[in-house]
N, C-alpha and C. Protein backbone atom coordinates (compact mmCIF):
# COMPACT_ATOMS: atom_id res chain seq x y z
N MET A 1 92.74 106.85 65.66
CA MET A 1 93.39 105.61 66.06
C MET A 1 93.36 104.65 64.86
N ASN A 2 94.38 103.88 64.75
CA ASN A 2 94.49 102.88 63.69
C ASN A 2 93.33 101.88 63.80
N SER A 3 92.72 101.56 62.67
CA SER A 3 91.56 100.65 62.70
C SER A 3 91.92 99.27 63.23
N SER A 4 93.14 98.83 63.00
CA SER A 4 93.58 97.53 63.51
C SER A 4 93.64 97.57 65.05
N ILE A 5 94.13 98.67 65.58
CA ILE A 5 94.21 98.82 67.03
C ILE A 5 92.80 98.93 67.62
N GLU A 6 91.94 99.68 66.95
CA GLU A 6 90.55 99.80 67.41
C GLU A 6 89.88 98.43 67.47
N LYS A 7 90.12 97.61 66.46
CA LYS A 7 89.53 96.28 66.43
C LYS A 7 90.05 95.43 67.59
N GLN A 8 91.35 95.54 67.88
CA GLN A 8 91.92 94.78 68.99
C GLN A 8 91.33 95.23 70.33
N VAL A 9 91.15 96.54 70.49
CA VAL A 9 90.56 97.05 71.73
C VAL A 9 89.12 96.57 71.86
N GLU A 10 88.36 96.60 70.77
CA GLU A 10 86.98 96.10 70.79
C GLU A 10 86.95 94.63 71.19
N GLU A 11 87.88 93.84 70.67
CA GLU A 11 87.94 92.43 71.01
C GLU A 11 88.29 92.23 72.49
N MET A 12 89.19 93.07 73.00
CA MET A 12 89.55 92.98 74.42
C MET A 12 88.35 93.26 75.30
N VAL A 13 87.60 94.31 74.96
CA VAL A 13 86.40 94.66 75.72
C VAL A 13 85.39 93.52 75.64
N GLU A 14 85.19 92.99 74.46
CA GLU A 14 84.24 91.89 74.28
C GLU A 14 84.64 90.68 75.13
N ASP A 15 85.93 90.36 75.15
CA ASP A 15 86.41 89.25 75.98
C ASP A 15 86.17 89.53 77.46
N LEU A 16 86.42 90.76 77.90
CA LEU A 16 86.21 91.11 79.30
C LEU A 16 84.73 91.03 79.67
N ILE A 17 83.87 91.40 78.76
CA ILE A 17 82.43 91.35 79.02
C ILE A 17 81.97 89.93 79.27
N HIS A 18 82.53 88.98 78.54
CA HIS A 18 82.04 87.60 78.60
C HIS A 18 82.83 86.67 79.51
N THR A 19 83.82 87.20 80.20
CA THR A 19 84.60 86.35 81.10
C THR A 19 83.87 86.22 82.44
N SER A 20 84.22 85.19 83.20
CA SER A 20 83.56 84.97 84.50
C SER A 20 83.90 86.11 85.46
N PHE A 21 83.05 86.28 86.47
CA PHE A 21 83.24 87.35 87.45
C PHE A 21 84.60 87.25 88.13
N ASP A 22 84.95 86.06 88.60
CA ASP A 22 86.22 85.88 89.32
C ASP A 22 87.42 86.16 88.42
N LYS A 23 87.38 85.65 87.21
CA LYS A 23 88.49 85.87 86.29
C LYS A 23 88.59 87.35 85.93
N TYR A 24 87.45 88.00 85.74
CA TYR A 24 87.44 89.43 85.42
C TYR A 24 88.10 90.23 86.54
N LYS A 25 87.74 89.94 87.78
CA LYS A 25 88.32 90.66 88.92
C LYS A 25 89.84 90.45 88.99
N ARG A 26 90.29 89.22 88.75
CA ARG A 26 91.74 88.94 88.75
C ARG A 26 92.43 89.71 87.64
N LEU A 27 91.84 89.70 86.43
CA LEU A 27 92.43 90.42 85.30
C LEU A 27 92.52 91.92 85.59
N LYS A 28 91.49 92.47 86.18
CA LYS A 28 91.49 93.89 86.51
C LYS A 28 92.56 94.21 87.54
N LEU A 29 92.63 93.41 88.58
CA LEU A 29 93.62 93.62 89.63
C LEU A 29 95.04 93.57 89.07
N VAL A 30 95.34 92.53 88.32
CA VAL A 30 96.67 92.38 87.75
C VAL A 30 96.96 93.47 86.72
N GLY A 31 95.99 93.73 85.84
CA GLY A 31 96.18 94.75 84.81
C GLY A 31 96.49 96.11 85.38
N LEU A 32 95.79 96.49 86.43
CA LEU A 32 96.04 97.79 87.04
C LEU A 32 97.34 97.79 87.85
N ALA A 33 97.65 96.66 88.48
CA ALA A 33 98.88 96.59 89.28
C ALA A 33 100.13 96.68 88.42
N ILE A 34 100.14 95.99 87.28
CA ILE A 34 101.37 95.98 86.48
C ILE A 34 101.56 97.27 85.68
N THR A 35 100.54 98.12 85.63
CA THR A 35 100.68 99.39 84.92
C THR A 35 100.82 100.57 85.87
N ALA A 36 100.99 100.29 87.15
CA ALA A 36 101.03 101.35 88.16
C ALA A 36 102.14 102.37 87.93
N ASP A 37 103.23 101.95 87.32
CA ASP A 37 104.36 102.87 87.10
C ASP A 37 104.30 103.59 85.76
N ASP A 38 103.24 103.40 85.00
CA ASP A 38 103.09 104.05 83.69
C ASP A 38 101.71 104.71 83.63
N PRO A 39 101.64 106.01 83.95
CA PRO A 39 100.34 106.68 84.03
C PRO A 39 99.49 106.60 82.75
N LYS A 40 100.12 106.68 81.59
CA LYS A 40 99.35 106.61 80.34
C LYS A 40 98.77 105.21 80.13
N LEU A 41 99.57 104.20 80.38
CA LEU A 41 99.09 102.83 80.23
C LEU A 41 98.03 102.50 81.28
N GLN A 42 98.22 103.00 82.49
CA GLN A 42 97.22 102.75 83.53
C GLN A 42 95.90 103.46 83.18
N ALA A 43 95.98 104.65 82.62
CA ALA A 43 94.76 105.35 82.20
C ALA A 43 94.03 104.54 81.13
N PHE A 44 94.79 103.96 80.20
CA PHE A 44 94.19 103.11 79.16
C PHE A 44 93.50 101.90 79.79
N MET A 45 94.18 101.25 80.73
CA MET A 45 93.60 100.06 81.38
C MET A 45 92.34 100.42 82.15
N LYS A 46 92.35 101.55 82.85
CA LYS A 46 91.17 101.98 83.60
C LYS A 46 90.00 102.23 82.65
N GLU A 47 90.27 102.86 81.53
CA GLU A 47 89.22 103.12 80.55
C GLU A 47 88.70 101.82 79.94
N LEU A 48 89.62 100.90 79.65
CA LEU A 48 89.24 99.60 79.09
C LEU A 48 88.28 98.87 80.03
N PHE A 49 88.62 98.83 81.32
CA PHE A 49 87.76 98.15 82.28
C PHE A 49 86.47 98.93 82.51
N ALA A 50 86.51 100.25 82.46
CA ALA A 50 85.29 101.04 82.64
C ALA A 50 84.29 100.76 81.52
N VAL A 51 84.78 100.67 80.29
CA VAL A 51 83.90 100.36 79.16
C VAL A 51 83.32 98.96 79.31
N ALA A 52 84.16 98.00 79.68
CA ALA A 52 83.68 96.64 79.86
C ALA A 52 82.62 96.57 80.97
N GLU A 53 82.84 97.30 82.06
CA GLU A 53 81.91 97.25 83.18
C GLU A 53 80.54 97.84 82.83
N LYS A 54 80.50 98.75 81.89
CA LYS A 54 79.21 99.31 81.45
C LYS A 54 78.35 98.24 80.78
N HIS A 55 79.00 97.22 80.23
CA HIS A 55 78.28 96.20 79.46
C HIS A 55 78.22 94.83 80.14
N ARG A 56 78.92 94.69 81.26
CA ARG A 56 78.88 93.41 81.98
C ARG A 56 77.57 93.30 82.75
N PRO A 57 77.06 92.08 82.90
CA PRO A 57 75.85 91.91 83.71
C PRO A 57 76.14 92.26 85.16
N GLU A 58 75.15 92.80 85.82
CA GLU A 58 75.30 93.13 87.24
C GLU A 58 75.43 91.84 88.04
N MET A 59 76.32 91.84 88.99
CA MET A 59 76.52 90.67 89.84
C MET A 59 75.97 91.00 91.23
N ILE A 60 75.11 90.15 91.75
CA ILE A 60 74.55 90.32 93.08
C ILE A 60 75.15 89.26 93.99
N GLU A 61 75.75 89.70 95.06
CA GLU A 61 76.36 88.76 96.00
C GLU A 61 75.26 88.06 96.79
N MET A 62 75.39 86.75 96.93
CA MET A 62 74.41 85.95 97.67
C MET A 62 75.08 85.45 98.96
N LYS A 63 74.36 85.62 100.09
CA LYS A 63 74.82 85.07 101.35
C LYS A 63 73.67 84.31 101.98
N GLY A 64 73.83 83.05 102.15
CA GLY A 64 72.79 82.24 102.75
C GLY A 64 71.51 82.17 101.92
N GLY A 65 71.66 82.32 100.60
CA GLY A 65 70.51 82.22 99.73
C GLY A 65 69.72 83.51 99.56
N ALA A 66 70.17 84.59 100.18
CA ALA A 66 69.45 85.86 100.05
C ALA A 66 70.36 86.90 99.40
N ALA A 67 69.77 87.68 98.51
CA ALA A 67 70.55 88.74 97.85
C ALA A 67 70.90 89.81 98.87
N VAL A 68 72.13 90.29 98.78
CA VAL A 68 72.61 91.32 99.72
C VAL A 68 72.72 92.63 98.98
């Protein structure tokens, strides 16, 4: 892969890692939805989000002050 493209992908992953939980979920939903008709692009998006998710902090849902 071209080093310029690799750098851009690394930056995308880094941005996804540091974005808020809500924004990340919206980006993932939209990113996968708009690539639904292009299997190669959708595979790229799935891999991009999979890599980011390996490095994102775990999110624990809270209900009434208790971890669920």
